[in-house]
C-alpha atoms as a PDB file:
ATOM      1  CA  UNK A   1      11.037  -3.479  17.219  1.00  0.00           C
ATOM      2  CA  UNK A   2      13.199  -0.983  16.202  1.00  0.00           C
ATOM      3  CA  UNK A   3      11.132  -0.956  12.846  1.00  0.00           C
ATOM      4  CA  UNK A   4       8.275  -0.035  14.572  1.00  0.00           C
ATOM      5  CA  UNK A   5       9.706   2.909  15.892  1.00  0.00           C
ATOM      6  CA  UNK A   6      11.388   4.449  13.188  1.00  0.00           C
ATOM      7  CA  UNK A   7       7.581   4.309  11.596  1.00  0.00           C
ATOM      8  CA  UNK A   8       6.086   6.067  13.997  1.00  0.00           C
ATOM      9  CA  UNK A   9       8.491   8.259  14.182  1.00  0.00           C
ATOM     10  CA  UNK A  10       8.867   8.770  10.149  1.00  0.00           C
ATOM     11  CA  UNK A  11       4.764   9.256  10.108  1.00  0.00           C
ATOM     12  CA  UNK A  12       5.056  11.795  13.377  1.00  0.00           C
ATOM     13  CA  UNK A  13       6.882  13.572  10.710  1.00  0.00           C
ATOM     14  CA  UNK A  14       4.729  13.186   8.210  1.00  0.00           C
ATOM     15  CA  UNK A  15       2.071  14.709   9.966  1.00  0.00           C
ATOM     16  CA  UNK A  16       4.042  17.163  11.350  1.00  0.00           C
ATOM     17  CA  UNK A  17       5.040  18.786   7.957  1.00  0.00           C
ATOM     18  CA  UNK A  18       0.874  17.684   6.560  1.00  0.00           C
ATOM     19  CA  UNK A  19       0.251  19.523   9.361  1.00  0.00           C
ATOM     20  CA  UNK A  20       2.148  22.899   9.430  1.00  0.00           C
ATOM     21  CA  UNK A  21       2.340  23.637   5.000  1.00  0.00           C
ATOM     22  CA  UNK A  22      -1.466  21.707   5.116  1.00  0.00           C
ATOM     23  CA  UNK A  23      -2.509  25.376   3.441  1.00  0.00           C
ATOM     24  CA  UNK A  24       0.794  25.706   1.262  1.00  0.00           C
ATOM     25  CA  UNK A  25      -0.418  22.333   0.187  1.00  0.00           C
ATOM     26  CA  UNK A  26      -3.563  23.171  -0.415  1.00  0.00           C
ATOM     27  CA  UNK A  27      -2.359  26.336  -2.668  1.00  0.00           C
ATOM     28  CA  UNK A  28      -0.734  24.010  -4.701  1.00  0.00           C
ATOM     29  CA  UNK A  29      -3.046  21.380  -5.784  1.00  0.00           C
ATOM     30  CA  UNK A  30      -5.764  24.412  -6.311  1.00  0.00           C
ATOM     31  CA  UNK A  31      -3.224  25.768  -8.886  1.00  0.00           C
ATOM     32  CA  UNK A  32      -3.051  22.699 -10.783  1.00  0.00           C
ATOM     33  CA  UNK A  33      -6.665  21.601 -10.164  1.00  0.00           C
ATOM     34  CA  UNK A  34      -8.478  23.956 -10.024  1.00  0.00           C
ATOM     35  CA  UNK A  35     -11.514  22.273  -9.812  1.00  0.00           C
ATOM     36  CA  UNK A  36     -10.775  20.644  -6.439  1.00  0.00           C
ATOM     37  CA  UNK A  37     -12.417  23.094  -3.861  1.00  0.00           C
ATOM     38  CA  UNK A  38     -10.119  24.994  -1.253  1.00  0.00           C
ATOM     39  CA  UNK A  39     -12.086  24.436   1.326  1.00  0.00           C
ATOM     40  CA  UNK A  40     -12.162  20.131   1.103  1.00  0.00           C
ATOM     41  CA  UNK A  41      -8.390  20.266  -0.104  1.00  0.00           C
ATOM     42  CA  UNK A  42      -7.106  21.404   3.536  1.00  0.00           C
ATOM     43  CA  UNK A  43     -10.349  20.003   5.750  1.00  0.00           C
ATOM     44  CA  UNK A  44      -9.003  16.492   4.144  1.00  0.00           C
ATOM     45  CA  UNK A  45      -5.555  17.508   4.765  1.00  0.00           C
ATOM     46  CA  UNK A  46      -5.928  18.485   7.865  1.00  0.00           C
ATOM     47  CA  UNK A  47      -8.541  15.206   9.335  1.00  0.00           C
ATOM     48  CA  UNK A  48      -5.473  12.915   7.688  1.00  0.00           C
ATOM     49  CA  UNK A  49      -2.308  14.386   9.569  1.00  0.00           C
ATOM     50  CA  UNK A  50      -4.486  14.334  13.016  1.00  0.00           C
ATOM     51  CA  UNK A  51      -5.376  10.823  11.895  1.00  0.00           C
ATOM     52  CA  UNK A  52      -2.218   9.896  11.906  1.00  0.00           C
ATOM     53  CA  UNK A  53      -1.010  11.618  15.399  1.00  0.00           C
ATOM     54  CA  UNK A  54      -4.045   9.451  16.333  1.00  0.00           C
ATOM     55  CA  UNK A  55      -3.196   6.188  14.744  1.00  0.00           C
ATOM     56  CA  UNK A  56       0.750   6.906  15.834  1.00  0.00           C
ATOM     57  CA  UNK A  57      -0.381   7.670  19.634  1.00  0.00           C
ATOM     58  CA  UNK A  58      -2.694   4.291  19.816  1.00  0.00           C
ATOM     59  CA  UNK A  59      -0.260   1.922  17.688  1.00  0.00           C
ATOM     60  CA  UNK A  60       2.785   2.920  20.244  1.00  0.00           C
ATOM     61  CA  UNK A  61       0.595   1.971  23.608  1.00  0.00           C
END
């Protein structure tokens, strides 16, 4: 039970960091991999962040 709570907290922290710093991560990845489009990367990061929030919310109920 305690491990489930730890994973939930860690997941929420990761989802928050991804949501807050998505634009910075996108620019970093664009410098390293210029063939990736900015719009595609920021969309993927945003959807991953939202998905993490939803999955954690559903699993903790």
